[in-house]
Amino acid sequence: MAFLDNRGLEPPEPMMRVLQALEQLGPEEELEVLNDRRPVFLYPLLEERGYVHETTENPDGTVRIRIRRRQG
């Protein structure tokens, strides 16, 4: 699993880093991302590109997003 820590970055850098990292993923790999906030503008782009995602809010207010290719 690949990991990105996007905390402290200003938009649109976190989104751009995620999209770049996804280009490097193998077909069965996942990307885990730690963000300061929910990436609401990223979600539609992920869906358009065939990815599914799951977002979990952490107690400290950050969010953890797991992204993988949609199966079948």
N, C-alpha and C. Protein backbone atom coordinates (compact mmCIF):
# COMPACT_ATOMS: atom_id res chain seq x y z
N MET A 1 0.85 -1.18 0.00
CA MET A 1 0.00 0.00 0.00
C MET A 1 0.89 1.24 0.00
N ALA A 2 0.57 2.17 -0.86
CA ALA A 2 1.29 3.44 -0.91
C ALA A 2 0.65 4.40 0.10
N PHE A 3 1.43 5.36 0.58
CA PHE A 3 0.93 6.30 1.60
C PHE A 3 1.37 7.71 1.25
N LEU A 4 0.46 8.67 1.42
CA LEU A 4 0.76 10.09 1.25
C LEU A 4 0.31 10.85 2.49
N ASP A 5 1.16 11.70 3.01
CA ASP A 5 0.80 12.59 4.11
C ASP A 5 0.67 13.99 3.52
N ASN A 6 -0.57 14.44 3.35
CA ASN A 6 -0.83 15.74 2.74
C ASN A 6 -1.16 16.82 3.77
N ARG A 7 -0.94 16.54 5.02
CA ARG A 7 -1.26 17.55 6.04
C ARG A 7 -0.37 18.78 5.86
N GLY A 8 -0.97 19.94 6.08
CA GLY A 8 -0.23 21.19 6.02
C GLY A 8 -0.07 21.76 4.63
N LEU A 9 -0.57 21.09 3.62
CA LEU A 9 -0.45 21.58 2.24
C LEU A 9 -1.69 22.38 1.86
N GLU A 10 -1.48 23.39 1.03
CA GLU A 10 -2.59 24.24 0.57
C GLU A 10 -3.17 23.68 -0.73
N PRO A 11 -4.50 23.77 -0.89
CA PRO A 11 -5.11 23.34 -2.15
C PRO A 11 -4.54 24.14 -3.31
N PRO A 12 -4.40 23.53 -4.45
CA PRO A 12 -4.82 22.19 -4.84
C PRO A 12 -3.72 21.14 -4.70
N GLU A 13 -2.63 21.44 -4.00
CA GLU A 13 -1.50 20.51 -3.93
C GLU A 13 -1.88 19.12 -3.43
N PRO A 14 -2.68 18.98 -2.37
CA PRO A 14 -3.03 17.61 -1.94
C PRO A 14 -3.71 16.80 -3.05
N MET A 15 -4.64 17.42 -3.77
CA MET A 15 -5.33 16.71 -4.84
C MET A 15 -4.36 16.33 -5.95
N MET A 16 -3.48 17.23 -6.31
CA MET A 16 -2.52 16.96 -7.38
C MET A 16 -1.58 15.81 -6.99
N ARG A 17 -1.16 15.79 -5.72
CA ARG A 17 -0.28 14.71 -5.25
C ARG A 17 -0.99 13.36 -5.30
N VAL A 18 -2.27 13.34 -4.94
CA VAL A 18 -3.04 12.09 -4.98
C VAL A 18 -3.15 11.59 -6.41
N LEU A 19 -3.51 12.47 -7.33
CA LEU A 19 -3.67 12.06 -8.73
C LEU A 19 -2.36 11.55 -9.31
N GLN A 20 -1.25 12.17 -8.96
CA GLN A 20 0.07 11.70 -9.42
C GLN A 20 0.38 10.33 -8.84
N ALA A 21 0.12 10.14 -7.56
CA ALA A 21 0.41 8.86 -6.91
C ALA A 21 -0.43 7.74 -7.50
N LEU A 22 -1.68 8.03 -7.86
CA LEU A 22 -2.54 7.00 -8.45
C LEU A 22 -2.01 6.51 -9.78
N GLU A 23 -1.34 7.37 -10.52
CA GLU A 23 -0.75 6.97 -11.80
C GLU A 23 0.34 5.93 -11.61
N GLN A 24 0.95 5.89 -10.43
CA GLN A 24 2.05 4.96 -10.15
C GLN A 24 1.58 3.63 -9.54
N LEU A 25 0.30 3.56 -9.16
CA LEU A 25 -0.21 2.36 -8.50
C LEU A 25 -0.37 1.20 -9.47
N GLY A 26 -0.06 0.01 -8.97
CA GLY A 26 -0.35 -1.20 -9.72
C GLY A 26 -1.84 -1.52 -9.63
N PRO A 27 -2.33 -2.46 -10.44
CA PRO A 27 -3.75 -2.75 -10.50
C PRO A 27 -4.37 -3.22 -9.18
N GLU A 28 -3.60 -3.86 -8.33
CA GLU A 28 -4.13 -4.39 -7.07
C GLU A 28 -3.73 -3.54 -5.86
N GLU A 29 -2.97 -2.49 -6.08
CA GLU A 29 -2.48 -1.67 -4.96
C GLU A 29 -3.52 -0.66 -4.50
N GLU A 30 -3.34 -0.20 -3.26
CA GLU A 30 -4.17 0.84 -2.68
C GLU A 30 -3.30 2.03 -2.30
N LEU A 31 -3.93 3.19 -2.25
CA LEU A 31 -3.28 4.40 -1.79
C LEU A 31 -4.00 4.86 -0.53
N GLU A 32 -3.24 5.10 0.51
CA GLU A 32 -3.79 5.65 1.75
C GLU A 32 -3.28 7.08 1.88
N VAL A 33 -4.19 8.01 2.15
CA VAL A 33 -3.87 9.43 2.19
C VAL A 33 -4.31 10.01 3.52
N LEU A 34 -3.46 10.83 4.12
CA LEU A 34 -3.80 11.56 5.33
C LEU A 34 -3.92 13.03 4.96
N ASN A 35 -5.11 13.59 5.15
CA ASN A 35 -5.41 14.98 4.77
C ASN A 35 -5.89 15.77 5.99
N ASP A 36 -5.78 17.09 5.90
CA ASP A 36 -6.31 17.96 6.94
C ASP A 36 -7.83 18.03 6.91
N ARG A 37 -8.44 17.77 5.73
CA ARG A 37 -9.89 17.88 5.57
C ARG A 37 -10.33 16.93 4.47
N ARG A 38 -11.65 16.75 4.37
CA ARG A 38 -12.20 15.91 3.30
C ARG A 38 -11.91 16.54 1.94
N PRO A 39 -11.41 15.77 1.00
CA PRO A 39 -11.10 16.30 -0.33
C PRO A 39 -12.32 16.26 -1.25
N VAL A 40 -13.29 17.11 -0.99
CA VAL A 40 -14.58 17.03 -1.70
C VAL A 40 -14.45 17.21 -3.22
N PHE A 41 -13.47 17.96 -3.68
CA PHE A 41 -13.30 18.14 -5.12
C PHE A 41 -12.57 16.96 -5.76
N LEU A 42 -11.89 16.16 -4.95
CA LEU A 42 -11.19 14.98 -5.45
C LEU A 42 -12.15 13.83 -5.71
N TYR A 43 -13.16 13.66 -4.89
CA TYR A 43 -14.05 12.50 -4.99
C TYR A 43 -14.64 12.30 -6.39
N PRO A 44 -15.20 13.34 -7.04
CA PRO A 44 -15.75 13.13 -8.40
C PRO A 44 -14.68 12.71 -9.40
N LEU A 45 -13.46 13.24 -9.26
CA LEU A 45 -12.38 12.87 -10.17
C LEU A 45 -12.01 11.40 -10.00
N LEU A 46 -12.00 10.93 -8.76
CA LEU A 46 -11.70 9.52 -8.51
C LEU A 46 -12.74 8.64 -9.18
N GLU A 47 -14.00 8.98 -9.01
CA GLU A 47 -15.08 8.18 -9.59
C GLU A 47 -15.01 8.17 -11.11
N GLU A 48 -14.72 9.32 -11.72
CA GLU A 48 -14.58 9.41 -13.18
C GLU A 48 -13.46 8.52 -13.69
N ARG A 49 -12.41 8.38 -12.89
CA ARG A 49 -11.22 7.61 -13.30
C ARG A 49 -11.29 6.14 -12.90
N GLY A 50 -12.40 5.72 -12.32
CA GLY A 50 -12.56 4.30 -12.01
C GLY A 50 -12.03 3.87 -10.66
N TYR A 51 -11.96 4.79 -9.71
CA TYR A 51 -11.49 4.46 -8.36
C TYR A 51 -12.64 4.51 -7.37
N VAL A 52 -12.53 3.72 -6.32
CA VAL A 52 -13.45 3.80 -5.19
C VAL A 52 -12.65 4.29 -4.01
N HIS A 53 -13.34 4.89 -3.04
CA HIS A 53 -12.64 5.48 -1.90
C HIS A 53 -13.46 5.31 -0.64
N GLU A 54 -12.75 5.33 0.47
CA GLU A 54 -13.37 5.25 1.79
C GLU A 54 -12.67 6.28 2.67
N THR A 55 -13.44 7.15 3.30
CA THR A 55 -12.88 8.21 4.13
C THR A 55 -13.27 7.99 5.59
N THR A 56 -12.28 8.10 6.46
CA THR A 56 -12.50 7.96 7.89
C THR A 56 -12.01 9.23 8.58
N GLU A 57 -12.84 9.80 9.45
CA GLU A 57 -12.42 10.97 10.21
C GLU A 57 -11.70 10.51 11.47
N ASN A 58 -10.54 11.11 11.72
CA ASN A 58 -9.74 10.81 12.90
C ASN A 58 -10.13 11.74 14.04
N PRO A 59 -9.88 11.34 15.29
CA PRO A 59 -10.23 12.18 16.44
C PRO A 59 -9.58 13.57 16.41
N ASP A 60 -8.42 13.69 15.75
CA ASP A 60 -7.73 14.99 15.71
C ASP A 60 -8.25 15.90 14.60
N GLY A 61 -9.29 15.45 13.86
CA GLY A 61 -9.87 16.28 12.81
C GLY A 61 -9.34 15.98 11.42
N THR A 62 -8.24 15.25 11.32
CA THR A 62 -7.72 14.87 10.01
C THR A 62 -8.58 13.75 9.44
N VAL A 63 -8.40 13.48 8.16
CA VAL A 63 -9.12 12.38 7.53
C VAL A 63 -8.14 11.44 6.85
N ARG A 64 -8.50 10.17 6.86
CA ARG A 64 -7.72 9.13 6.20
C ARG A 64 -8.57 8.58 5.06
N ILE A 65 -8.00 8.61 3.85
CA ILE A 65 -8.73 8.17 2.66
C ILE A 65 -7.99 6.97 2.08
N ARG A 66 -8.73 5.89 1.84
CA ARG A 66 -8.17 4.72 1.17
C ARG A 66 -8.78 4.67 -0.23
N ILE A 67 -7.91 4.56 -1.23
CA ILE A 67 -8.33 4.62 -2.62
C ILE A 67 -7.81 3.37 -3.34
N ARG A 68 -8.69 2.76 -4.14
CA ARG A 68 -8.28 1.60 -4.95
C ARG A 68 -9.09 1.59 -6.25
N ARG A 69 -8.62 0.83 -7.21
CA ARG A 69 -9.33 0.72 -8.48
C ARG A 69 -10.65 -0.04 -8.27
N ARG A 70 -11.66 0.39 -8.96
CA ARG A 70 -12.95 -0.31 -8.92
C ARG A 70 -12.77 -1.69 -9.56
N GLN A 71 -13.30 -2.70 -8.92
CA GLN A 71 -13.19 -4.06 -9.42
C GLN A 71 -14.35 -4.37 -10.37
N GLY A 72 -14.00 -4.98 -11.51
CA GLY A 72 -14.97 -5.46 -12.48
C GLY A 72 -15.99 -4.47 -12.81
